[in-house]
Amino acid sequence: MLQVITTDLSDDLIRLSAYDLLVRLDIHSLPVDLLRLFDTEPSIHYNSVQNLALYNHIPLDNLVTPGSAGILYRIRNGDDYIYINEDYQFPQKLWNIALAIGALELDVVPYHSYVDIPQDHPSVTTFAYYFLAPDVVLDACHLHSQRKIFEYCRLPFAESHRKARKIRFCLLRKKSIGAEKTILSNFKEYIEKIKIITS
């Protein structure tokens, strides 16, 4: 299995990419509805590695190793395929799909090769954090704790903990980007509802 391209991108560029996708998908609430992506973007196809193995009459072990999030396949000027490992509970599957989308959006996937969904690529992981738990929304809703991030964003427990640590540090040093105004506008009703619930 080939590895993804290791390119370090700036935090601002990754955040802009994640927020741009939230705007394109017209996302207005948390947790992010990733099925909307597959309904909106006809060039991105979603299935499970289990179905891929069954369809091709090959053992699952030939496609993924234990603990794998799944695999990606990209065709130049064509379609992208996400095959997720269905052996996980919802929060981990959501996280794994966000990693796959991040790898495609940040263009770190080589063409015409099956690659593992990157689970430790810094840029892809950062994209998943911004996409599933946008700082600008978390801050507006006062959702800074691990428990609240887990509850409202549905990140896996460990990722919720990491996001809670990151957001405290990041909010102090981030410069504003234009997409944040659009995100806040799109999430306006959701933010007001969460403020009432959490106050």
Protein backbone atom coordinates (compact mmCIF):
# COMPACT_ATOMS: atom_id res chain seq x y z
CA MET A 1 0.00 0.00 0.00
CA LEU A 2 1.43 3.42 -0.97
CA GLN A 3 1.70 6.20 1.58
CA VAL A 4 0.15 9.63 1.27
CA ILE A 5 2.28 12.57 0.20
CA THR A 6 3.87 14.22 3.23
CA THR A 7 3.56 17.96 2.76
CA ASP A 8 3.34 20.33 5.69
CA LEU A 9 0.80 23.05 5.01
CA SER A 10 0.26 26.20 7.05
CA ASP A 11 -2.38 26.08 9.75
CA ASP A 12 -4.25 29.00 8.17
CA LEU A 13 -4.40 27.26 4.79
CA ILE A 14 -5.71 24.05 6.38
CA ARG A 15 -8.31 25.96 8.40
CA LEU A 16 -9.42 27.86 5.28
CA SER A 17 -9.73 24.58 3.36
CA ALA A 18 -11.84 22.96 6.10
CA TYR A 19 -14.06 26.02 6.54
CA ASP A 20 -14.45 26.39 2.77
CA LEU A 21 -15.75 22.82 2.58
CA LEU A 22 -18.22 23.50 5.42
CA VAL A 23 -19.50 26.49 3.45
CA ARG A 24 -19.68 24.57 0.16
CA LEU A 25 -21.66 21.80 1.85
CA ASP A 26 -23.95 24.36 3.50
CA ILE A 27 -23.40 22.84 6.96
CA HIS A 28 -25.36 24.66 9.70
CA SER A 29 -25.01 22.48 12.80
CA LEU A 30 -22.87 20.01 14.69
CA PRO A 31 -22.09 17.18 14.44
CA VAL A 32 -21.21 17.63 10.79
CA ASP A 33 -23.43 15.55 8.53
CA LEU A 34 -20.88 13.85 6.28
CA LEU A 35 -23.54 12.11 4.23
CA ARG A 36 -24.29 15.57 2.85
CA LEU A 37 -20.85 15.48 1.22
CA PHE A 38 -21.64 12.32 -0.68
CA ASP A 39 -25.01 13.72 -1.76
CA THR A 40 -23.50 17.05 -2.85
CA GLU A 41 -20.23 15.95 -4.44
CA PRO A 42 -20.99 13.30 -7.09
CA SER A 43 -17.28 12.75 -7.79
CA ILE A 44 -16.68 11.43 -4.26
CA HIS A 45 -17.87 7.88 -3.69
CA TYR A 46 -18.26 6.24 -0.31
CA ASN A 47 -18.39 2.57 0.61
CA SER A 48 -16.83 0.17 3.10
CA VAL A 49 -13.69 -1.91 2.72
CA GLN A 50 -15.82 -4.86 3.79
CA ASN A 51 -18.09 -4.37 0.75
CA LEU A 52 -15.08 -3.83 -1.52
CA ALA A 53 -13.56 -7.12 -0.35
CA LEU A 54 -16.87 -8.94 -0.76
CA TYR A 55 -17.48 -7.50 -4.24
CA ASN A 56 -13.99 -8.47 -5.43
CA HIS A 57 -14.02 -11.89 -3.68
CA ILE A 58 -10.80 -11.18 -1.79
CA PRO A 59 -10.00 -11.51 1.92
CA LEU A 60 -10.37 -8.29 3.92
CA ASP A 61 -6.81 -8.77 5.23
CA ASN A 62 -5.55 -8.21 1.66
CA LEU A 63 -7.00 -4.67 1.72
CA VAL A 64 -6.42 -3.38 5.23
CA THR A 65 -4.38 -4.16 8.30
CA PRO A 66 -5.95 -4.35 11.78
CA GLY A 67 -6.59 -0.85 13.10
CA SER A 68 -6.76 0.66 9.63
CA ALA A 69 -9.26 3.48 9.05
CA GLY A 70 -9.80 2.35 5.47
CA ILE A 71 -8.40 3.12 2.02
CA LEU A 72 -8.59 5.82 -0.64
CA TYR A 73 -8.36 5.69 -4.41
CA ARG A 74 -8.06 8.78 -6.59
CA ILE A 75 -8.33 9.07 -10.36
CA ARG A 76 -6.69 12.07 -12.04
CA ASN A 77 -9.41 14.38 -13.44
CA GLY A 78 -11.94 11.85 -12.24
CA ASP A 79 -13.54 10.41 -9.18
CA ASP A 80 -12.37 9.84 -5.62
CA TYR A 81 -13.24 6.69 -3.69
CA ILE A 82 -13.37 6.40 0.10
CA TYR A 83 -13.59 2.88 1.51
CA ILE A 84 -14.07 3.13 5.26
CA ASN A 85 -13.45 0.35 7.76
CA GLU A 86 -16.89 -0.35 9.27
CA ASP A 87 -15.45 -2.11 12.34
CA TYR A 88 -15.65 1.11 14.40
CA GLN A 89 -18.37 2.90 16.37
CA PHE A 90 -19.90 6.13 15.02
CA PRO A 91 -17.47 8.72 16.47
CA GLN A 92 -14.40 6.85 15.16
CA LYS A 93 -16.01 6.25 11.75
CA LEU A 94 -16.90 9.96 11.54
CA TRP A 95 -13.31 10.85 12.40
CA ASN A 96 -11.92 8.37 9.85
CA ILE A 97 -14.15 9.76 7.10
CA ALA A 98 -13.04 13.31 7.99
CA LEU A 99 -9.40 12.17 7.70
CA ALA A 100 -10.16 10.71 4.26
CA ILE A 101 -11.86 13.93 3.14
CA GLY A 102 -8.95 15.96 4.48
CA ALA A 103 -6.45 13.87 2.53
CA LEU A 104 -8.46 14.46 -0.65
CA GLU A 105 -9.10 18.17 -0.03
CA LEU A 106 -5.45 18.86 0.81
CA ASP A 107 -4.35 16.86 -2.24
CA VAL A 108 -1.98 14.53 -0.38
CA VAL A 109 -3.26 11.37 -2.10
CA PRO A 110 -1.31 10.06 -5.13
CA TYR A 111 -3.33 9.24 -8.23
CA HIS A 112 -4.22 5.75 -9.45
CA SER A 113 -3.09 3.96 -6.29
CA TYR A 114 -4.84 2.54 -3.27
CA VAL A 115 -3.53 4.23 -0.11
CA ASP A 116 -4.38 3.86 3.55
CA ILE A 117 -6.46 6.68 5.01
CA PRO A 118 -3.76 8.65 6.83
CA GLN A 119 -4.25 8.55 10.59
CA ASP A 120 -1.06 10.35 11.65
CA HIS A 121 -0.52 12.93 8.88
CA PRO A 122 -0.31 16.31 10.72
CA SER A 123 -2.03 18.38 8.01
CA VAL A 124 -4.82 15.85 7.49
CA THR A 125 -5.43 15.53 11.24
CA THR A 126 -5.55 19.31 11.60
CA PHE A 127 -8.08 19.47 8.75
CA ALA A 128 -10.31 16.91 10.51
CA TYR A 129 -10.23 18.94 13.74
CA TYR A 130 -11.26 22.15 11.94
CA PHE A 131 -13.85 20.41 9.78
CA LEU A 132 -15.64 18.43 12.49
CA ALA A 133 -15.13 20.95 15.32
CA PRO A 134 -14.64 24.43 13.83
CA ASP A 135 -12.96 26.69 16.39
CA VAL A 136 -15.08 29.69 15.45
CA VAL A 137 -18.30 27.77 16.22
CA LEU A 138 -16.95 26.13 19.39
CA ASP A 139 -15.87 29.53 20.69
CA ALA A 140 -19.19 31.21 19.84
CA CYS A 141 -21.06 28.39 21.65
CA HIS A 142 -18.58 28.26 24.57
CA LEU A 143 -17.89 24.58 23.87
CA HIS A 144 -14.30 24.40 25.07
CA SER A 145 -14.26 21.34 27.33
CA GLN A 146 -13.50 17.80 26.25
CA ARG A 147 -16.93 16.65 27.41
CA LYS A 148 -18.79 19.29 25.40
CA ILE A 149 -16.69 18.72 22.28
CA PHE A 150 -17.37 15.00 22.54
CA GLU A 151 -21.09 15.57 23.10
CA TYR A 152 -21.70 18.18 20.38
CA CYS A 153 -19.10 17.34 17.70
CA ARG A 154 -19.02 13.55 18.19
CA LEU A 155 -15.25 13.35 17.91
CA PRO A 156 -13.80 10.18 19.46
CA PHE A 157 -12.98 10.55 23.15
CA ALA A 158 -9.21 10.90 22.67
CA GLU A 159 -9.64 13.37 19.78
CA SER A 160 -12.12 15.42 21.85
CA HIS A 161 -9.49 15.67 24.57
CA ARG A 162 -6.81 16.78 22.08
CA LYS A 163 -9.17 19.32 20.48
CA ALA A 164 -10.03 20.80 23.90
CA ARG A 165 -6.30 21.27 24.62
CA LYS A 166 -5.66 22.72 21.15
CA ILE A 167 -8.55 25.17 21.16
CA ARG A 168 -7.44 26.85 24.38
CA PHE A 169 -4.04 27.55 22.86
CA CYS A 170 -5.13 28.29 19.30
CA LEU A 171 -7.84 30.86 20.00
CA LEU A 172 -5.26 33.16 21.53
CA ARG A 173 -2.98 33.28 18.50
CA LYS A 174 -5.25 32.86 15.46
CA LYS A 175 -5.81 35.62 13.01
CA SER A 176 -9.30 35.87 11.58
CA ILE A 177 -10.01 34.57 8.08
CA GLY A 178 -12.88 35.61 5.80
CA ALA A 179 -14.58 32.22 5.82
CA GLU A 180 -15.20 32.56 9.56
CA LYS A 181 -17.84 35.25 9.00
CA THR A 182 -19.70 32.96 6.61
CA ILE A 183 -19.42 30.03 9.04
CA LEU A 184 -20.80 32.15 11.88
CA SER A 185 -23.66 33.31 9.64
CA ASN A 186 -24.46 29.74 8.56
CA PHE A 187 -24.36 28.48 12.15
CA LYS A 188 -26.24 31.48 13.63
CA GLU A 189 -29.42 29.60 14.64
CA TYR A 190 -27.42 26.65 15.95
CA ILE A 191 -25.17 28.93 18.02
CA GLU A 192 -28.17 30.69 19.57
CA LYS A 193 -29.80 27.35 20.40
CA ILE A 194 -26.62 25.98 22.02
CA LYS A 195 -26.12 29.16 24.05
CA ILE A 196 -29.62 28.73 25.50
CA ILE A 197 -29.05 25.02 26.23
CA THR A 198 -25.65 25.50 27.86
CA SER A 199 -26.38 28.67 29.86
